[in-house]
């Protein structure tokens, strides 16, 4: 089938440096929020959700507004 079109929702994982707890879920459009650490001990938060392009850009804007360093954005299947 291939990748979804830009107008279709897709699953995204967005990783930022720092820790957010699940209480931020509503502010981030009900995405799943999971705090953890990278192998080097850096605290990170991963936001996962089914997003269309407009919602993805909205979440990225909120991350910027909070001053959280963006580490990674992945689209597609979760590993």
N, C-alpha and C. Protein backbone atom coordinates (compact mmCIF):
# COMPACT_ATOMS: atom_id res chain seq x y z
N UNK A 1 0.81 -1.20 0.00
CA UNK A 1 0.00 0.00 0.00
C UNK A 1 0.84 1.26 0.00
N UNK A 2 1.99 1.28 0.70
CA UNK A 2 2.84 2.46 0.69
C UNK A 2 2.50 3.44 1.80
N UNK A 3 3.14 4.59 1.75
CA UNK A 3 2.95 5.63 2.75
C UNK A 3 1.61 6.33 2.56
N UNK A 4 0.97 6.78 3.66
CA UNK A 4 -0.26 7.54 3.52
C UNK A 4 0.03 8.89 2.86
N UNK A 5 -0.99 9.44 2.19
CA UNK A 5 -0.85 10.76 1.58
C UNK A 5 -0.78 11.84 2.65
N UNK A 6 -0.34 13.02 2.24
CA UNK A 6 -0.21 14.13 3.18
C UNK A 6 -1.55 14.54 3.77
N UNK A 7 -2.65 14.24 3.07
CA UNK A 7 -3.97 14.62 3.58
C UNK A 7 -4.58 13.55 4.48
N UNK A 8 -3.87 12.45 4.68
CA UNK A 8 -4.36 11.35 5.50
C UNK A 8 -3.62 11.31 6.84
N UNK A 9 -4.33 10.99 7.93
CA UNK A 9 -3.64 10.86 9.22
C UNK A 9 -2.63 9.71 9.18
N UNK A 10 -1.58 9.86 9.94
CA UNK A 10 -0.56 8.83 10.09
C UNK A 10 -0.10 8.82 11.54
N UNK A 11 0.49 7.72 11.96
CA UNK A 11 1.03 7.64 13.32
C UNK A 11 2.40 8.32 13.35
N UNK A 12 2.58 9.21 14.31
CA UNK A 12 3.85 9.91 14.49
C UNK A 12 4.35 9.69 15.89
N UNK A 13 5.68 9.60 16.01
CA UNK A 13 6.37 9.63 17.30
C UNK A 13 7.25 10.86 17.28
N UNK A 14 7.07 11.71 18.28
CA UNK A 14 7.84 12.95 18.39
C UNK A 14 8.59 12.90 19.70
N UNK A 15 9.91 13.02 19.62
CA UNK A 15 10.73 12.95 20.84
C UNK A 15 11.35 14.31 21.12
N UNK A 16 11.20 14.75 22.37
CA UNK A 16 11.76 16.02 22.82
C UNK A 16 12.64 15.78 24.04
N UNK A 17 13.60 16.68 24.25
CA UNK A 17 14.44 16.61 25.44
C UNK A 17 13.66 17.19 26.60
N UNK A 18 13.71 16.53 27.73
CA UNK A 18 12.98 16.97 28.92
C UNK A 18 11.88 15.99 29.27
N UNK A 19 11.21 16.29 30.36
CA UNK A 19 10.16 15.39 30.84
C UNK A 19 8.83 16.11 30.96
N UNK A 20 7.85 15.52 30.32
CA UNK A 20 6.45 15.94 30.48
C UNK A 20 5.69 14.73 31.01
N UNK A 21 4.75 14.95 31.93
CA UNK A 21 3.96 13.82 32.39
C UNK A 21 2.65 13.75 31.61
N UNK A 22 1.87 12.72 31.87
CA UNK A 22 0.65 12.46 31.12
C UNK A 22 -0.38 13.58 31.25
N UNK A 23 -0.26 14.44 32.25
CA UNK A 23 -1.22 15.53 32.42
C UNK A 23 -1.18 16.52 31.25
N UNK A 24 -0.11 16.50 30.45
CA UNK A 24 0.00 17.38 29.28
C UNK A 24 -0.77 16.84 28.08
N UNK A 25 -1.33 15.64 28.18
CA UNK A 25 -1.97 14.98 27.04
C UNK A 25 -3.05 15.84 26.39
N UNK A 26 -3.91 16.46 27.18
CA UNK A 26 -4.98 17.30 26.61
C UNK A 26 -4.41 18.49 25.84
N UNK A 27 -3.33 19.07 26.33
CA UNK A 27 -2.71 20.23 25.69
C UNK A 27 -2.09 19.85 24.36
N UNK A 28 -1.71 18.56 24.25
CA UNK A 28 -1.12 18.04 23.02
C UNK A 28 -2.12 17.19 22.24
N UNK A 29 -3.38 17.60 22.24
CA UNK A 29 -4.41 16.94 21.42
C UNK A 29 -4.55 15.45 21.70
N UNK A 30 -4.49 15.07 22.95
CA UNK A 30 -4.72 13.69 23.37
C UNK A 30 -3.75 12.67 22.79
N UNK A 31 -2.52 13.06 22.52
CA UNK A 31 -1.51 12.09 22.13
C UNK A 31 -1.03 11.36 23.38
N UNK A 32 -0.44 10.22 23.19
CA UNK A 32 0.14 9.47 24.31
C UNK A 32 1.49 10.08 24.65
N UNK A 33 1.72 10.30 25.94
CA UNK A 33 2.97 10.90 26.40
C UNK A 33 3.69 9.89 27.29
N UNK A 34 4.96 9.64 26.95
CA UNK A 34 5.76 8.69 27.72
C UNK A 34 7.12 9.31 28.01
N UNK A 35 7.43 9.43 29.30
CA UNK A 35 8.74 9.96 29.71
C UNK A 35 9.73 8.82 29.83
N UNK A 36 10.97 9.11 29.53
CA UNK A 36 12.02 8.10 29.63
C UNK A 36 13.38 8.76 29.56
N UNK A 37 14.37 7.96 29.20
CA UNK A 37 15.75 8.45 29.07
C UNK A 37 16.40 7.80 27.87
N UNK A 38 17.30 8.52 27.24
CA UNK A 38 18.13 7.95 26.19
C UNK A 38 19.23 7.13 26.83
N UNK A 39 19.98 6.38 26.03
CA UNK A 39 21.04 5.52 26.56
C UNK A 39 22.12 6.31 27.29
N UNK A 40 22.27 7.60 26.93
CA UNK A 40 23.27 8.43 27.62
C UNK A 40 22.72 9.11 28.87
N UNK A 41 21.47 8.78 29.24
CA UNK A 41 20.86 9.34 30.44
C UNK A 41 20.07 10.62 30.22
N UNK A 42 20.06 11.15 29.00
CA UNK A 42 19.31 12.37 28.69
C UNK A 42 17.82 12.12 28.90
N UNK A 43 17.14 12.95 29.71
CA UNK A 43 15.69 12.78 29.90
C UNK A 43 14.96 13.19 28.62
N UNK A 44 14.03 12.34 28.20
CA UNK A 44 13.25 12.61 26.99
C UNK A 44 11.79 12.29 27.22
N UNK A 45 10.95 12.89 26.40
CA UNK A 45 9.53 12.59 26.37
C UNK A 45 9.18 12.23 24.94
N UNK A 46 8.42 11.15 24.76
CA UNK A 46 7.95 10.75 23.44
C UNK A 46 6.44 10.93 23.38
N UNK A 47 5.99 11.68 22.38
CA UNK A 47 4.58 11.90 22.13
C UNK A 47 4.20 11.06 20.91
N UNK A 48 3.16 10.24 21.04
CA UNK A 48 2.76 9.34 19.96
C UNK A 48 1.27 9.53 19.69
N UNK A 49 0.92 9.65 18.41
CA UNK A 49 -0.49 9.77 18.08
C UNK A 49 -0.75 9.69 16.59
N UNK A 50 -2.02 9.49 16.26
CA UNK A 50 -2.49 9.48 14.88
C UNK A 50 -2.82 10.92 14.52
N UNK A 51 -2.03 11.51 13.63
CA UNK A 51 -2.13 12.93 13.34
C UNK A 51 -2.19 13.20 11.84
N UNK A 52 -3.01 14.18 11.45
CA UNK A 52 -2.91 14.68 10.09
C UNK A 52 -1.87 15.79 10.08
N UNK A 53 -1.56 16.34 8.92
CA UNK A 53 -0.50 17.33 8.83
C UNK A 53 -0.79 18.58 9.66
N UNK A 54 -2.04 19.03 9.70
CA UNK A 54 -2.39 20.21 10.48
C UNK A 54 -2.15 19.97 11.96
N UNK A 55 -2.55 18.80 12.46
CA UNK A 55 -2.35 18.47 13.87
C UNK A 55 -0.87 18.32 14.19
N UNK A 56 -0.11 17.70 13.29
CA UNK A 56 1.33 17.56 13.49
C UNK A 56 2.00 18.92 13.62
N UNK A 57 1.67 19.83 12.72
CA UNK A 57 2.27 21.17 12.78
C UNK A 57 1.85 21.91 14.04
N UNK A 58 0.61 21.70 14.49
CA UNK A 58 0.15 22.32 15.73
C UNK A 58 0.94 21.83 16.93
N UNK A 59 1.19 20.53 16.98
CA UNK A 59 1.96 19.98 18.10
C UNK A 59 3.40 20.47 18.06
N UNK A 60 3.99 20.51 16.86
CA UNK A 60 5.36 21.02 16.74
C UNK A 60 5.44 22.49 17.18
N UNK A 61 4.40 23.27 16.89
CA UNK A 61 4.37 24.67 17.33
C UNK A 61 4.30 24.74 18.86
N UNK A 62 3.51 23.89 19.47
CA UNK A 62 3.41 23.89 20.94
C UNK A 62 4.74 23.49 21.58
N UNK A 63 5.42 22.52 20.98
CA UNK A 63 6.74 22.12 21.47
C UNK A 63 7.69 23.31 21.41
N UNK A 64 7.67 24.03 20.29
CA UNK A 64 8.52 25.22 20.14
C UNK A 64 8.16 26.27 21.19
N UNK A 65 6.86 26.51 21.38
CA UNK A 65 6.42 27.53 22.33
C UNK A 65 6.83 27.20 23.76
N UNK A 66 6.94 25.91 24.09
CA UNK A 66 7.39 25.50 25.42
C UNK A 66 8.91 25.55 25.56
N UNK A 67 9.60 25.74 24.44
CA UNK A 67 11.06 25.79 24.48
C UNK A 67 11.70 24.42 24.63
N UNK A 68 10.97 23.36 24.26
CA UNK A 68 11.52 22.01 24.36
C UNK A 68 12.34 21.69 23.11
N UNK A 69 13.58 21.25 23.27
CA UNK A 69 14.39 20.88 22.12
C UNK A 69 13.81 19.64 21.42
N UNK A 70 13.54 19.76 20.14
CA UNK A 70 13.03 18.65 19.33
C UNK A 70 14.18 17.73 18.98
N UNK A 71 14.04 16.46 19.31
CA UNK A 71 15.11 15.50 19.04
C UNK A 71 14.84 14.65 17.80
N UNK A 72 13.56 14.28 17.60
CA UNK A 72 13.26 13.35 16.51
C UNK A 72 11.77 13.33 16.20
N UNK A 73 11.45 13.17 14.91
CA UNK A 73 10.07 12.96 14.47
C UNK A 73 10.09 11.75 13.55
N UNK A 74 9.27 10.74 13.87
CA UNK A 74 9.18 9.53 13.04
C UNK A 74 7.73 9.36 12.60
N UNK A 75 7.57 8.93 11.35
CA UNK A 75 6.24 8.62 10.84
C UNK A 75 6.20 7.12 10.55
N UNK A 76 5.04 6.54 10.79
CA UNK A 76 4.84 5.16 10.38
C UNK A 76 4.80 4.20 11.54
N UNK A 77 5.12 2.93 11.22
CA UNK A 77 5.04 1.88 12.19
C UNK A 77 5.91 2.12 13.41
N UNK A 78 5.44 1.68 14.53
CA UNK A 78 6.18 1.86 15.78
C UNK A 78 7.04 0.64 16.04
N UNK A 79 8.29 0.87 16.41
CA UNK A 79 9.19 -0.23 16.72
C UNK A 79 9.44 -0.29 18.20
